[in-house]
Amino acid sequence: MLVIGNRILAGHSAMRAFLVVTIFFLAQGSASLLQAQGPQDYIVTYRDGTIPAVRAVSVGNAGAVLRFNYSFVNGAAVTVPNENALEALRNDPSVLSIIPDRPVFALQRAQKKPDNPGGGGGNGGGGGGKQTEVIPAGVTRVGVPTSGSDGAGIGVAIMDTGIDFLHQDLAPAAEGFDGFGGNCQDDHGHGTHVAGIVAAIEGNALDVVGVAPNATLHCVKVLD
């Protein structure tokens, strides 16, 4: 006897219904399994000293597809077509880790900073007032930069939407890496804002002072 909904089936009818239900759920399970085994993107990190050419061979031998072969870290971004290729990478003695490469999202609307009607700083200048440089409350709280704590000799990577290379209150970034294959120019404004918190120039009578105004900025664009 088999109960489906409010119907009670017996004998051959019950057996036929049971087979139909079983085949349905097996098909559903197989579909989920196939979907789970579809091509997936991963970041593969390698042991120190594994040069890019060797990484490329490792990825190819595993049956995966190389998307990015990084120069500044011992790693590569790859597309793995199936479980066999993933297992081959796991068994490679030069591989340290394999982690999913997932998109990252930031939820923030780009909004223009309002003009300062009194001309007292920020992006102001409205009303004909003289623009002055402002030390933000956060910078005051952690410590106003001094000759011994101004970030000189320190590099800071801004991993965000890029940096506005034409911004007058930021020194040019020492280098840039764009994860989208273009350039590191800011498409949104958030990365420039963060770069200003870190290293807005001191003593130029513009906008604000950064926590470490003499730090060297490196643009790493991970959000478009």
Protein backbone atom coordinates (compact mmCIF):
# COMPACT_ATOMS: atom_id res chain seq x y z
CA MET A 1 0.00 0.00 0.00
CA LEU A 2 1.23 3.50 -0.90
CA VAL A 3 -0.27 6.81 0.19
CA ILE A 4 0.12 9.77 -2.21
CA GLY A 5 -1.68 12.90 -1.07
CA ASN A 6 -5.07 11.61 0.06
CA ARG A 7 -5.11 8.59 -2.26
CA ILE A 8 -4.39 5.03 -1.11
CA LEU A 9 -3.04 2.70 -3.80
CA ALA A 10 -2.57 -1.05 -3.56
CA GLY A 11 -0.97 -3.88 -5.54
CA HIS A 12 0.42 -3.10 -8.99
CA SER A 13 -0.88 0.46 -8.89
CA ALA A 14 1.09 1.09 -5.71
CA MET A 15 4.25 -0.40 -7.24
CA ARG A 16 3.94 1.72 -10.40
CA ALA A 17 3.38 4.86 -8.32
CA PHE A 18 6.33 3.99 -6.12
CA LEU A 19 8.62 3.60 -9.14
CA VAL A 20 7.45 6.91 -10.63
CA VAL A 21 8.05 8.76 -7.34
CA THR A 22 11.45 7.08 -6.89
CA ILE A 23 12.58 7.93 -10.43
CA PHE A 24 11.44 11.56 -9.93
CA PHE A 25 13.51 12.04 -6.79
CA LEU A 26 16.52 10.26 -8.28
CA ALA A 27 16.31 12.57 -11.31
CA GLN A 28 16.11 15.60 -9.03
CA GLY A 29 19.12 14.39 -7.07
CA SER A 30 21.09 13.72 -10.24
CA ALA A 31 20.32 17.21 -11.54
CA SER A 32 21.56 18.76 -8.31
CA LEU A 33 24.69 16.63 -8.42
CA LEU A 34 25.42 17.61 -12.02
CA GLN A 35 24.93 21.27 -11.17
CA ALA A 36 27.28 20.96 -8.19
CA GLN A 37 29.93 19.36 -10.44
CA GLY A 38 29.76 22.07 -13.10
CA PRO A 39 32.70 24.42 -13.84
CA GLN A 40 33.75 26.38 -10.77
CA ASP A 41 36.24 29.20 -10.23
CA TYR A 42 38.95 28.83 -7.59
CA ILE A 43 42.03 30.60 -6.28
CA VAL A 44 44.95 28.17 -6.03
CA THR A 45 47.95 29.15 -3.89
CA TYR A 46 51.32 27.49 -4.36
CA ARG A 47 54.41 26.94 -2.25
CA ASP A 48 57.10 29.63 -2.22
CA GLY A 49 59.34 29.43 -5.24
CA THR A 50 56.70 28.01 -7.61
CA ILE A 51 57.25 30.24 -10.62
CA PRO A 52 54.36 31.27 -12.93
CA ALA A 53 55.43 28.86 -15.69
CA VAL A 54 55.32 25.92 -13.29
CA ARG A 55 51.92 27.03 -11.99
CA ALA A 56 50.59 27.11 -15.56
CA VAL A 57 51.82 23.55 -16.14
CA SER A 58 50.24 22.43 -12.86
CA VAL A 59 46.87 23.86 -13.84
CA GLY A 60 47.03 22.39 -17.35
CA ASN A 61 48.07 18.94 -16.14
CA ALA A 62 45.09 18.90 -13.77
CA GLY A 63 42.72 19.62 -16.64
CA ALA A 64 41.76 23.06 -15.33
CA VAL A 65 41.75 26.39 -17.19
CA LEU A 66 44.13 29.18 -16.15
CA ARG A 67 42.40 32.59 -15.85
CA PHE A 68 45.05 34.68 -14.04
CA ASN A 69 48.62 33.76 -13.21
CA TYR A 70 49.62 36.27 -10.55
CA SER A 71 53.07 37.82 -10.26
CA PHE A 72 52.79 39.43 -6.83
CA VAL A 73 51.61 36.30 -4.98
CA ASN A 74 52.28 32.60 -5.44
CA GLY A 75 48.84 31.89 -6.82
CA ALA A 76 46.58 31.54 -9.80
CA ALA A 77 42.89 31.99 -10.58
CA VAL A 78 41.54 28.93 -12.35
CA THR A 79 38.32 27.42 -13.67
CA VAL A 80 37.91 23.79 -12.67
CA PRO A 81 35.61 21.89 -15.05
CA ASN A 82 34.87 18.87 -12.88
CA GLU A 83 35.64 17.02 -9.66
CA ASN A 84 38.48 15.04 -11.27
CA ALA A 85 40.37 18.21 -12.12
CA LEU A 86 39.80 19.57 -8.63
CA GLU A 87 41.11 16.35 -7.10
CA ALA A 88 44.19 16.48 -9.34
CA LEU A 89 44.99 19.97 -8.06
CA ARG A 90 44.50 18.81 -4.47
CA ASN A 91 47.03 16.02 -5.05
CA ASP A 92 49.64 18.36 -6.55
CA PRO A 93 52.45 18.62 -3.94
CA SER A 94 53.18 22.23 -4.94
CA VAL A 95 49.63 23.36 -4.09
CA LEU A 96 49.04 24.85 -0.65
CA SER A 97 45.34 25.71 -0.79
CA ILE A 98 42.34 25.81 -3.09
CA ILE A 99 39.51 28.18 -2.19
CA PRO A 100 36.36 29.22 -4.11
CA ASP A 101 36.72 32.45 -6.09
CA ARG A 102 33.42 34.20 -5.45
CA PRO A 103 32.26 37.68 -6.52
CA VAL A 104 32.32 40.34 -3.80
CA PHE A 105 29.64 43.01 -3.53
CA ALA A 106 29.56 46.37 -1.77
CA LEU A 107 26.19 48.01 -1.25
CA GLN A 108 26.58 51.78 -1.21
CA ARG A 109 25.12 54.54 -3.34
CA ALA A 110 27.53 57.05 -4.82
CA GLN A 111 26.52 60.46 -3.48
CA LYS A 112 28.09 63.84 -4.15
CA LYS A 113 29.45 65.50 -1.05
CA PRO A 114 27.48 68.72 -0.44
CA ASP A 115 29.28 72.01 -0.81
CA ASN A 116 30.31 73.77 2.37
CA PRO A 117 28.45 77.10 2.30
CA GLY A 118 30.90 78.65 4.74
CA GLY A 119 34.02 77.59 2.87
CA GLY A 120 35.40 76.09 6.06
CA GLY A 121 36.99 72.98 4.60
CA GLY A 122 36.13 69.65 3.08
CA ASN A 123 35.16 69.97 -0.59
CA GLY A 124 33.76 73.39 0.10
CA GLY A 125 34.55 76.75 -1.28
CA GLY A 126 30.97 77.89 -1.67
CA GLY A 127 30.18 81.50 -0.90
CA GLY A 128 33.64 82.69 -1.87
CA GLY A 129 35.22 81.55 1.41
CA LYS A 130 38.81 80.39 1.53
CA GLN A 131 39.26 76.63 1.39
CA THR A 132 41.17 75.12 4.28
CA GLU A 133 42.47 71.70 5.15
CA VAL A 134 40.59 69.77 7.83
CA ILE A 135 41.91 67.22 10.31
CA PRO A 136 39.02 64.72 10.65
CA ALA A 137 37.85 63.68 14.10
CA GLY A 138 38.94 60.10 13.40
CA VAL A 139 42.50 61.18 12.60
CA THR A 140 42.59 63.28 15.76
CA ARG A 141 41.39 60.29 17.75
CA VAL A 142 44.07 57.88 16.49
CA GLY A 143 46.79 60.54 16.45
CA VAL A 144 47.56 63.47 14.19
CA PRO A 145 50.46 62.54 11.86
CA THR A 146 53.96 63.54 12.99
CA SER A 147 57.37 63.13 11.40
CA GLY A 148 57.63 59.74 13.11
CA SER A 149 54.12 58.50 12.36
CA ASP A 150 53.19 59.83 8.93
CA GLY A 151 53.43 56.57 7.00
CA ALA A 152 56.74 57.34 5.28
CA GLY A 153 58.21 54.16 3.84
CA ILE A 154 54.95 52.22 4.30
CA GLY A 155 52.94 50.83 1.39
CA VAL A 156 49.16 50.48 1.71
CA ALA A 157 47.08 48.51 -0.79
CA ILE A 158 43.57 49.93 -1.23
CA MET A 159 41.41 46.93 -2.18
CA ASP A 160 38.23 48.65 -3.33
CA THR A 161 36.66 50.33 -6.39
CA GLY A 162 39.96 51.84 -7.52
CA ILE A 163 41.51 55.27 -6.89
CA ASP A 164 40.88 58.54 -8.70
CA PHE A 165 44.32 59.21 -10.18
CA LEU A 166 43.47 62.86 -10.81
CA HIS A 167 42.42 63.66 -7.25
CA GLN A 168 44.44 66.66 -6.06
CA ASP A 169 44.55 65.52 -2.44
CA LEU A 170 46.11 62.13 -3.21
CA ALA A 171 49.63 61.35 -4.38
CA PRO A 172 49.63 59.09 -7.47
CA ALA A 173 49.38 55.39 -6.67
CA ALA A 174 52.69 53.57 -7.00
CA GLU A 175 51.07 50.78 -9.00
CA GLY A 176 47.66 49.43 -9.84
CA PHE A 177 46.04 46.06 -10.39
CA ASP A 178 42.55 45.76 -11.84
CA GLY A 179 40.78 42.45 -11.33
CA PHE A 180 38.46 43.23 -14.25
CA GLY A 181 41.13 43.52 -16.93
CA GLY A 182 40.97 47.29 -17.44
CA ASN A 183 42.60 50.07 -15.45
CA CYS A 184 42.49 50.96 -11.76
CA GLN A 185 40.72 54.31 -12.16
CA ASP A 186 37.86 54.59 -9.64
CA ASP A 187 34.42 53.91 -11.16
CA HIS A 188 32.45 54.70 -8.03
CA GLY A 189 34.21 56.88 -5.45
CA HIS A 190 34.37 54.56 -2.46
CA GLY A 191 37.97 53.49 -3.09
CA THR A 192 39.07 57.11 -3.41
CA HIS A 193 37.32 57.92 -0.13
CA VAL A 194 39.16 55.08 1.62
CA ALA A 195 42.46 56.15 0.04
CA GLY A 196 41.88 59.66 1.42
CA ILE A 197 41.27 58.34 4.93
CA VAL A 198 44.62 56.58 4.69
CA ALA A 199 46.84 59.05 2.87
CA ALA A 200 45.22 62.38 2.00
CA ILE A 201 48.09 64.84 1.53
CA GLU A 202 49.00 67.06 4.48
CA GLY A 203 49.78 70.76 4.10
CA ASN A 204 48.22 71.43 0.69
CA ALA A 205 45.18 73.39 1.96
CA LEU A 206 42.86 70.87 0.29
CA ASP A 207 40.11 68.73 1.80
CA VAL A 208 41.39 66.58 4.69
CA VAL A 209 44.53 65.09 6.22
CA GLY A 210 44.98 61.35 6.09
CA VAL A 211 46.07 59.10 8.95
CA ALA A 212 49.37 58.43 7.13
CA PRO A 213 49.77 61.18 4.50
CA ASN A 214 53.25 60.06 3.40
CA ALA A 215 52.29 56.41 2.89
CA THR A 216 52.60 54.97 -0.61
CA LEU A 217 49.26 53.92 -2.06
CA HIS A 218 48.81 50.79 -4.19
CA CYS A 219 45.55 50.50 -6.10
CA VAL A 220 43.94 47.04 -6.13
CA LYS A 221 40.56 47.16 -7.86
CA VAL A 222 38.34 44.33 -6.67
CA LEU A 223 34.99 46.13 -7.00
CA ASP A 224 33.74 47.72 -10.22
